[in-house]
Amino acid sequence: MNSLRYRNILAAVHLVRAGDFARAGCVLRHALRSKNATKSAKSPADEKATGIFLSLSFHNEAGTRAYKVYVPSSYHRKPSPLVVMLHGCTQSPDDLAAGTRMNALADELTFLVAYPEQAVTANLLKCWTWYNRRDQQRDRGEPSLVAGITRQVMKDY
């Protein structure tokens, strides 16, 4: 059994113990449906990305989150658009970048891309917890982390 499938099944067990049977069922169906569920490989289109992909970290009162920033080779320290990409459950910034080919597009159109990463300690499936009340208020919880990462990238670039 591959590690991604094992983690999904383990997550379903935790959800059952917490009484969240509906989500546990969804996680199990997803884990069992994908026979060859593995981490996404770098796509051929993303291999055309020629910029730099930095691994960074941001911390505030709500906690700490790792994130990645893609700086395109066409960027020359001039104001440029910033796209913030939030991955889905069980994904990582690398999975999202490969699956969307956003870094290659950023090279082509000259924009920066930030990929905040949900921590396993915040959610076992690495889902963003937008549904929690504490994460539905400005400058609190996960929104403050994503906004802080956005402000940090804007400040740095």
N, C-alpha and C. Protein backbone atom coordinates (compact mmCIF):
# COMPACT_ATOMS: atom_id res chain seq x y z
N MET A 1 0.86 -1.18 0.00
CA MET A 1 0.00 0.00 0.00
C MET A 1 0.90 1.23 0.00
N ASN A 2 0.62 2.21 -0.90
CA ASN A 2 1.48 3.38 -0.93
C ASN A 2 1.17 4.32 0.23
N SER A 3 2.11 5.21 0.50
CA SER A 3 2.01 6.05 1.70
C SER A 3 0.83 7.02 1.65
N LEU A 4 0.48 7.53 0.47
CA LEU A 4 -0.64 8.46 0.37
C LEU A 4 -1.95 7.75 0.71
N ARG A 5 -2.14 6.56 0.18
CA ARG A 5 -3.34 5.79 0.48
C ARG A 5 -3.38 5.46 1.97
N TYR A 6 -2.25 5.05 2.54
CA TYR A 6 -2.18 4.73 3.96
C TYR A 6 -2.56 5.95 4.81
N ARG A 7 -2.02 7.13 4.46
CA ARG A 7 -2.35 8.35 5.22
C ARG A 7 -3.83 8.67 5.12
N ASN A 8 -4.43 8.46 3.95
CA ASN A 8 -5.86 8.72 3.78
C ASN A 8 -6.69 7.77 4.65
N ILE A 9 -6.32 6.51 4.67
CA ILE A 9 -7.05 5.54 5.49
C ILE A 9 -6.88 5.86 6.97
N LEU A 10 -5.68 6.23 7.37
CA LEU A 10 -5.44 6.63 8.75
C LEU A 10 -6.27 7.86 9.11
N ALA A 11 -6.35 8.81 8.19
CA ALA A 11 -7.16 10.01 8.42
C ALA A 11 -8.63 9.63 8.59
N ALA A 12 -9.12 8.68 7.79
CA ALA A 12 -10.51 8.23 7.90
C ALA A 12 -10.76 7.60 9.26
N VAL A 13 -9.81 6.83 9.77
CA VAL A 13 -9.94 6.23 11.10
C VAL A 13 -10.09 7.33 12.15
N HIS A 14 -9.27 8.36 12.05
CA HIS A 14 -9.36 9.47 13.02
C HIS A 14 -10.71 10.19 12.92
N LEU A 15 -11.21 10.35 11.69
CA LEU A 15 -12.50 11.00 11.51
C LEU A 15 -13.63 10.17 12.10
N VAL A 16 -13.55 8.85 11.94
CA VAL A 16 -14.56 7.96 12.54
C VAL A 16 -14.52 8.09 14.05
N ARG A 17 -13.33 8.07 14.63
CA ARG A 17 -13.21 8.21 16.10
C ARG A 17 -13.77 9.54 16.59
N ALA A 18 -13.67 10.57 15.73
CA ALA A 18 -14.20 11.89 16.09
C ALA A 18 -15.69 11.99 15.80
N GLY A 19 -16.27 10.94 15.21
CA GLY A 19 -17.71 10.94 14.94
C GLY A 19 -18.09 11.57 13.61
N ASP A 20 -17.13 11.91 12.78
CA ASP A 20 -17.41 12.56 11.49
C ASP A 20 -17.45 11.48 10.40
N PHE A 21 -18.55 10.72 10.40
CA PHE A 21 -18.67 9.57 9.51
C PHE A 21 -18.79 9.96 8.03
N ALA A 22 -19.44 11.07 7.75
CA ALA A 22 -19.62 11.49 6.36
C ALA A 22 -18.27 11.80 5.72
N ARG A 23 -17.46 12.59 6.41
CA ARG A 23 -16.14 12.92 5.84
C ARG A 23 -15.25 11.69 5.79
N ALA A 24 -15.35 10.81 6.77
CA ALA A 24 -14.55 9.59 6.77
C ALA A 24 -14.89 8.75 5.54
N GLY A 25 -16.17 8.66 5.22
CA GLY A 25 -16.58 7.91 4.04
C GLY A 25 -16.02 8.50 2.76
N CYS A 26 -16.05 9.82 2.65
CA CYS A 26 -15.50 10.48 1.47
C CYS A 26 -14.01 10.20 1.33
N VAL A 27 -13.30 10.30 2.43
CA VAL A 27 -11.86 10.06 2.41
C VAL A 27 -11.56 8.61 2.01
N LEU A 28 -12.31 7.67 2.56
CA LEU A 28 -12.11 6.26 2.22
C LEU A 28 -12.41 5.98 0.75
N ARG A 29 -13.51 6.54 0.26
CA ARG A 29 -13.85 6.34 -1.15
C ARG A 29 -12.73 6.86 -2.05
N HIS A 30 -12.21 8.02 -1.70
CA HIS A 30 -11.12 8.62 -2.48
C HIS A 30 -9.87 7.73 -2.42
N ALA A 31 -9.54 7.26 -1.24
CA ALA A 31 -8.34 6.43 -1.07
C ALA A 31 -8.46 5.12 -1.82
N LEU A 32 -9.62 4.51 -1.80
CA LEU A 32 -9.78 3.20 -2.43
C LEU A 32 -10.00 3.30 -3.94
N ARG A 33 -10.52 4.42 -4.40
CA ARG A 33 -10.78 4.60 -5.83
C ARG A 33 -9.48 4.78 -6.61
N SER A 34 -8.51 5.45 -6.02
CA SER A 34 -7.26 5.73 -6.74
C SER A 34 -6.26 4.60 -6.51
N LYS A 35 -6.24 3.65 -7.45
CA LYS A 35 -5.38 2.47 -7.33
C LYS A 35 -3.91 2.84 -7.27
N ASN A 36 -3.51 3.83 -8.02
CA ASN A 36 -2.10 4.20 -8.08
C ASN A 36 -1.88 5.59 -7.51
N ALA A 37 -2.55 5.90 -6.41
CA ALA A 37 -2.43 7.24 -5.83
C ALA A 37 -1.01 7.47 -5.33
N THR A 38 -0.34 8.40 -5.95
CA THR A 38 1.01 8.77 -5.54
C THR A 38 1.13 10.27 -5.62
N LYS A 39 2.22 10.78 -5.11
CA LYS A 39 2.47 12.22 -5.22
C LYS A 39 2.60 12.57 -6.70
N SER A 40 2.13 13.75 -7.08
CA SER A 40 2.21 14.16 -8.47
C SER A 40 3.66 14.36 -8.88
N ALA A 41 3.97 13.88 -10.06
CA ALA A 41 5.30 14.10 -10.62
C ALA A 41 5.30 15.44 -11.33
N LYS A 42 6.45 15.97 -11.57
CA LYS A 42 6.56 17.23 -12.28
C LYS A 42 6.09 17.03 -13.71
N SER A 43 5.18 17.86 -14.16
CA SER A 43 4.64 17.71 -15.50
C SER A 43 5.63 18.25 -16.53
N PRO A 44 5.57 17.77 -17.78
CA PRO A 44 6.46 18.27 -18.82
C PRO A 44 6.35 19.78 -19.00
N ALA A 45 5.12 20.31 -18.91
CA ALA A 45 4.94 21.76 -19.08
C ALA A 45 5.61 22.53 -17.96
N ASP A 46 5.57 21.98 -16.73
CA ASP A 46 6.18 22.67 -15.61
C ASP A 46 7.70 22.62 -15.68
N GLU A 47 8.26 21.62 -16.37
CA GLU A 47 9.70 21.55 -16.53
C GLU A 47 10.21 22.73 -17.35
N LYS A 48 9.31 23.37 -18.10
CA LYS A 48 9.68 24.54 -18.88
C LYS A 48 9.83 25.77 -18.00
N ALA A 49 9.38 25.70 -16.75
CA ALA A 49 9.52 26.82 -15.84
C ALA A 49 11.01 27.04 -15.56
N THR A 50 11.45 28.27 -15.71
CA THR A 50 12.88 28.56 -15.59
C THR A 50 13.23 29.47 -14.43
N GLY A 51 12.24 29.84 -13.65
CA GLY A 51 12.48 30.72 -12.50
C GLY A 51 12.96 29.93 -11.30
N ILE A 52 12.81 30.54 -10.11
CA ILE A 52 13.22 29.85 -8.88
C ILE A 52 12.01 29.58 -8.01
N PHE A 53 12.01 28.43 -7.33
CA PHE A 53 10.91 28.00 -6.47
C PHE A 53 11.47 27.95 -5.06
N LEU A 54 11.13 28.95 -4.26
CA LEU A 54 11.69 29.08 -2.92
C LEU A 54 10.79 28.46 -1.86
N SER A 55 11.39 27.79 -0.89
CA SER A 55 10.66 27.25 0.27
C SER A 55 10.89 28.20 1.44
N LEU A 56 9.80 28.74 1.98
CA LEU A 56 9.88 29.74 3.05
C LEU A 56 8.91 29.39 4.17
N SER A 57 8.87 30.25 5.18
CA SER A 57 7.99 30.03 6.31
C SER A 57 7.49 31.38 6.82
N PHE A 58 6.25 31.39 7.31
CA PHE A 58 5.66 32.60 7.87
C PHE A 58 5.10 32.28 9.24
N HIS A 59 5.24 33.22 10.16
CA HIS A 59 4.74 33.02 11.53
C HIS A 59 4.02 34.29 12.01
N ASN A 60 2.86 34.07 12.67
CA ASN A 60 2.18 35.16 13.38
C ASN A 60 1.45 34.54 14.57
N GLU A 61 0.53 35.29 15.19
CA GLU A 61 -0.16 34.80 16.40
C GLU A 61 -0.96 33.52 16.14
N ALA A 62 -1.38 33.31 14.90
CA ALA A 62 -2.20 32.15 14.56
C ALA A 62 -1.36 30.88 14.35
N GLY A 63 -0.06 31.04 14.24
CA GLY A 63 0.80 29.88 14.05
C GLY A 63 1.85 30.10 13.00
N THR A 64 2.35 29.01 12.46
CA THR A 64 3.40 29.03 11.45
C THR A 64 2.94 28.20 10.26
N ARG A 65 3.19 28.70 9.07
CA ARG A 65 2.90 27.93 7.87
C ARG A 65 4.10 28.03 6.92
N ALA A 66 4.43 26.89 6.36
CA ALA A 66 5.41 26.85 5.28
C ALA A 66 4.71 27.36 4.02
N TYR A 67 5.47 27.89 3.12
CA TYR A 67 4.91 28.26 1.83
C TYR A 67 6.03 28.28 0.80
N LYS A 68 5.64 28.24 -0.45
CA LYS A 68 6.59 28.33 -1.54
C LYS A 68 6.24 29.55 -2.38
N VAL A 69 7.26 30.13 -2.96
CA VAL A 69 7.08 31.26 -3.86
C VAL A 69 7.82 30.95 -5.15
N TYR A 70 7.12 31.11 -6.24
CA TYR A 70 7.76 30.96 -7.54
C TYR A 70 8.05 32.35 -8.07
N VAL A 71 9.33 32.61 -8.36
CA VAL A 71 9.77 33.88 -8.93
C VAL A 71 10.19 33.58 -10.37
N PRO A 72 9.46 34.09 -11.34
CA PRO A 72 9.76 33.76 -12.74
C PRO A 72 11.08 34.37 -13.20
N SER A 73 11.68 33.74 -14.16
CA SER A 73 12.95 34.24 -14.70
C SER A 73 12.76 35.61 -15.37
N SER A 74 11.53 35.90 -15.77
CA SER A 74 11.23 37.18 -16.43
C SER A 74 11.03 38.33 -15.44
N TYR A 75 11.05 38.03 -14.14
CA TYR A 75 10.85 39.07 -13.11
C TYR A 75 12.12 39.90 -12.94
N HIS A 76 11.98 41.22 -12.95
CA HIS A 76 13.13 42.12 -12.84
C HIS A 76 12.91 43.18 -11.77
N ARG A 77 12.46 42.77 -10.59
CA ARG A 77 12.27 43.66 -9.44
C ARG A 77 11.38 44.86 -9.74
N LYS A 78 10.41 44.68 -10.59
CA LYS A 78 9.41 45.71 -10.87
C LYS A 78 8.08 45.21 -10.36
N PRO A 79 7.17 46.11 -9.96
CA PRO A 79 5.86 45.64 -9.50
C PRO A 79 5.23 44.67 -10.50
N SER A 80 4.84 43.51 -10.00
CA SER A 80 4.26 42.47 -10.83
C SER A 80 3.07 41.86 -10.09
N PRO A 81 2.14 41.28 -10.81
CA PRO A 81 1.01 40.62 -10.15
C PRO A 81 1.48 39.45 -9.28
N LEU A 82 0.68 39.14 -8.28
CA LEU A 82 0.92 38.00 -7.41
C LEU A 82 -0.34 37.15 -7.40
N VAL A 83 -0.18 35.86 -7.66
CA VAL A 83 -1.29 34.91 -7.59
C VAL A 83 -1.03 34.01 -6.40
N VAL A 84 -2.05 33.87 -5.52
CA VAL A 84 -1.93 33.01 -4.35
C VAL A 84 -2.77 31.76 -4.62
N MET A 85 -2.11 30.60 -4.55
CA MET A 85 -2.75 29.33 -4.87
C MET A 85 -2.89 28.50 -3.60
N LEU A 86 -4.12 28.09 -3.26
CA LEU A 86 -4.35 27.23 -2.10
C LEU A 86 -4.62 25.81 -2.58
N HIS A 87 -3.80 24.89 -2.11
CA HIS A 87 -3.94 23.49 -2.52
C HIS A 87 -5.16 22.85 -1.89
N GLY A 88 -5.57 21.73 -2.45
CA GLY A 88 -6.68 20.96 -1.92
C GLY A 88 -6.20 19.99 -0.85
N CYS A 89 -7.14 19.28 -0.26
CA CYS A 89 -6.82 18.28 0.76
C CYS A 89 -5.85 17.26 0.20
N THR A 90 -4.93 16.83 1.02
CA THR A 90 -3.87 15.85 0.74
C THR A 90 -2.84 16.33 -0.26
N GLN A 91 -2.96 17.54 -0.77
CA GLN A 91 -1.99 18.07 -1.72
C GLN A 91 -0.89 18.85 -1.01
N SER A 92 0.13 19.16 -1.77
CA SER A 92 1.21 20.02 -1.32
C SER A 92 1.37 21.15 -2.34
N PRO A 93 2.13 22.18 -2.01
CA PRO A 93 2.40 23.21 -3.02
C PRO A 93 3.02 22.63 -4.30
N ASP A 94 3.89 21.64 -4.15
CA ASP A 94 4.51 21.03 -5.33
C ASP A 94 3.47 20.32 -6.20
N ASP A 95 2.54 19.61 -5.55
CA ASP A 95 1.46 18.94 -6.29
C ASP A 95 0.64 19.97 -7.08
N LEU A 96 0.29 21.05 -6.41
CA LEU A 96 -0.54 22.07 -7.05
C LEU A 96 0.19 22.75 -8.20
N ALA A 97 1.46 23.06 -7.99
CA ALA A 97 2.25 23.71 -9.04
C ALA A 97 2.37 22.81 -10.26
N ALA A 98 2.63 21.53 -10.02
CA ALA A 98 2.77 20.58 -11.14
C ALA A 98 1.43 20.38 -11.85
N GLY A 99 0.38 20.25 -11.08
CA GLY A 99 -0.93 19.98 -11.67
C GLY A 99 -1.52 21.13 -12.46
N THR A 100 -1.20 22.35 -12.06
CA THR A 100 -1.76 23.52 -12.73
C THR A 100 -0.81 24.14 -13.75
N ARG A 101 0.47 23.77 -13.67
CA ARG A 101 1.51 24.35 -14.55
C ARG A 101 1.59 25.87 -14.40
N MET A 102 1.23 26.33 -13.19
CA MET A 102 1.19 27.76 -12.94
C MET A 102 2.57 28.41 -13.04
N ASN A 103 3.63 27.69 -12.67
CA ASN A 103 4.96 28.29 -12.72
C ASN A 103 5.41 28.58 -14.15
N ALA A 104 5.11 27.68 -15.07
CA ALA A 104 5.44 27.92 -16.48
C ALA A 104 4.65 29.12 -17.01
N LEU A 105 3.39 29.23 -16.59
CA LEU A 105 2.57 30.37 -17.01
C LEU A 105 3.11 31.67 -16.41
N ALA A 106 3.58 31.60 -15.16
CA ALA A 106 4.17 32.78 -14.51
C ALA A 106 5.40 33.26 -15.27
N ASP A 107 6.21 32.32 -15.76
CA ASP A 107 7.37 32.70 -16.58
C ASP A 107 6.92 33.41 -17.85
N GLU A 108 5.89 32.86 -18.46
CA GLU A 108 5.40 33.41 -19.73
C GLU A 108 4.80 34.79 -19.57
N LEU A 109 4.03 35.01 -18.49
CA LEU A 109 3.29 36.27 -18.33
C LEU A 109 3.88 37.20 -17.27
N THR A 110 4.94 36.81 -16.62
CA THR A 110 5.64 37.58 -15.58
C THR A 110 4.74 37.95 -14.40
N PHE A 111 4.46 36.95 -13.59
CA PHE A 111 3.81 37.18 -12.30
C PHE A 111 4.41 36.22 -11.30
N LEU A 112 4.30 36.56 -10.02
CA LEU A 112 4.79 35.71 -8.94
C LEU A 112 3.66 34.81 -8.47
N VAL A 113 4.02 33.67 -7.91
CA VAL A 113 3.02 32.74 -7.40
C VAL A 113 3.41 32.33 -5.99
N ALA A 114 2.47 32.47 -5.05
CA ALA A 114 2.68 32.03 -3.67
C ALA A 114 1.79 30.82 -3.42
N TYR A 115 2.37 29.81 -2.76
CA TYR A 115 1.66 28.57 -2.46
C TYR A 115 1.72 28.30 -0.96
N PRO A 116 0.79 28.85 -0.17
CA PRO A 116 0.76 28.50 1.25
C PRO A 116 0.52 27.00 1.42
N GLU A 117 1.10 26.43 2.47
CA GLU A 117 0.94 25.00 2.70
C GLU A 117 0.25 24.74 4.03
N GLN A 118 -0.85 24.02 3.99
CA GLN A 118 -1.54 23.64 5.21
C GLN A 118 -0.70 22.59 5.93
N ALA A 119 -0.57 22.74 7.24
CA ALA A 119 0.21 21.81 8.05
C ALA A 119 -0.63 20.61 8.45
N VAL A 120 -0.01 19.45 8.50
CA VAL A 120 -0.68 18.23 8.96
C VAL A 120 -1.13 18.41 10.40
N THR A 121 -0.39 19.20 11.17
CA THR A 121 -0.77 19.43 12.57
C THR A 121 -2.05 20.27 12.68
N ALA A 122 -2.38 21.03 11.64
CA ALA A 122 -3.61 21.82 11.64
C ALA A 122 -4.79 21.01 11.13
N ASN A 123 -4.53 20.08 10.21
CA ASN A 123 -5.57 19.22 9.67
C ASN A 123 -4.88 17.99 9.10
N LEU A 124 -5.28 16.84 9.57
CA LEU A 124 -4.62 15.59 9.20
C LEU A 124 -4.56 15.36 7.69
N LEU A 125 -5.59 15.81 6.99
CA LEU A 125 -5.62 15.66 5.53
C LEU A 125 -5.01 16.86 4.80
N LYS A 126 -4.50 17.80 5.56
CA LYS A 126 -3.93 19.03 5.02
C LYS A 126 -4.98 19.89 4.32
N CYS A 127 -6.24 19.78 4.77
CA CYS A 127 -7.32 20.62 4.25
C CYS A 127 -7.25 21.98 4.93
N TRP A 128 -7.58 23.02 4.20
CA TRP A 128 -7.73 24.33 4.82
C TRP A 128 -9.04 24.32 5.59
N THR A 129 -9.04 24.85 6.79
CA THR A 129 -10.22 24.74 7.67
C THR A 129 -11.07 26.01 7.63
N TRP A 130 -11.45 26.41 6.42
CA TRP A 130 -12.28 27.59 6.24
C TRP A 130 -13.62 27.46 6.95
N TYR A 131 -14.04 26.24 7.25
CA TYR A 131 -15.34 25.99 7.87
C TYR A 131 -15.32 26.22 9.38
N ASN A 132 -14.15 26.34 9.99
CA ASN A 132 -14.07 26.63 11.43
C ASN A 132 -14.37 28.10 11.68
N ARG A 133 -15.16 28.37 12.72
CA ARG A 133 -15.53 29.75 13.04
C ARG A 133 -14.32 30.65 13.24
N ARG A 134 -13.29 30.12 13.88
CA ARG A 134 -12.10 30.95 14.14
C ARG A 134 -11.37 31.31 12.84
N ASP A 135 -11.67 30.57 11.77
CA ASP A 135 -11.03 30.84 10.48
C ASP A 135 -11.94 31.61 9.53
N GLN A 136 -12.94 32.28 10.09
CA GLN A 136 -13.86 33.06 9.27
C GLN A 136 -13.86 34.52 9.68
N GLN A 137 -12.78 34.95 10.32
CA GLN A 137 -12.68 36.32 10.79
C GLN A 137 -11.38 36.93 10.29
N ARG A 138 -11.46 38.19 9.95
CA ARG A 138 -10.28 38.91 9.49
C ARG A 138 -9.21 38.94 10.58
N ASP A 139 -7.98 38.79 10.16
CA ASP A 139 -6.81 38.84 11.04
C ASP A 139 -6.82 37.78 12.14
N ARG A 140 -7.49 36.66 11.90
CA ARG A 140 -7.50 35.55 12.85
C ARG A 140 -7.34 34.24 12.08
N GLY A 141 -6.79 33.27 12.75
CA GLY A 141 -6.69 31.93 12.19
C GLY A 141 -5.98 31.86 10.85
N GLU A 142 -6.41 30.92 10.05
CA GLU A 142 -5.77 30.69 8.76
C GLU A 142 -5.85 31.89 7.81
N PRO A 143 -6.96 32.66 7.79
CA PRO A 143 -6.96 33.83 6.91
C PRO A 143 -5.81 34.79 7.23
N SER A 144 -5.47 34.92 8.51
CA SER A 144 -4.37 35.83 8.86
C SER A 144 -3.03 35.27 8.37
N LEU A 145 -2.90 33.94 8.34
CA LEU A 145 -1.67 33.33 7.84
C LEU A 145 -1.54 33.53 6.33
N VAL A 146 -2.62 33.29 5.60
CA VAL A 146 -2.59 33.48 4.14
C VAL A 146 -2.38 34.95 3.81
N ALA A 147 -3.06 35.85 4.51
CA ALA A 147 -2.87 37.28 4.28
C ALA A 147 -1.45 37.71 4.64
N GLY A 148 -0.92 37.16 5.72
CA GLY A 148 0.45 37.48 6.12
C GLY A 148 1.47 37.01 5.10
N ILE A 149 1.27 35.82 4.58
CA ILE A 149 2.16 35.32 3.52
C ILE A 149 2.09 36.23 2.30
N THR A 150 0.87 36.62 1.94
CA THR A 150 0.68 37.52 0.79
C THR A 150 1.40 38.84 1.03
N ARG A 151 1.23 39.40 2.21
CA ARG A 151 1.92 40.68 2.51
C ARG A 151 3.43 40.52 2.51
N GLN A 152 3.92 39.39 3.01
CA GLN A 152 5.36 39.15 3.05
C GLN A 152 5.94 39.07 1.63
N VAL A 153 5.26 38.36 0.75
CA VAL A 153 5.73 38.26 -0.64
C VAL A 153 5.68 39.62 -1.32
N MET A 154 4.62 40.38 -1.07
CA MET A 154 4.51 41.73 -1.65
C MET A 154 5.65 42.61 -1.15
N LYS A 155 5.96 42.51 0.12
CA LYS A 155 7.06 43.31 0.70
C LYS A 155 8.41 42.91 0.10
N ASP A 156 8.63 41.60 -0.03
CA ASP A 156 9.92 41.12 -0.54
C ASP A 156 10.11 41.34 -2.03
N TYR A 157 8.99 41.38 -2.77
CA TYR A 157 9.11 41.48 -4.23
C TYR A 157 8.36 42.66 -4.81
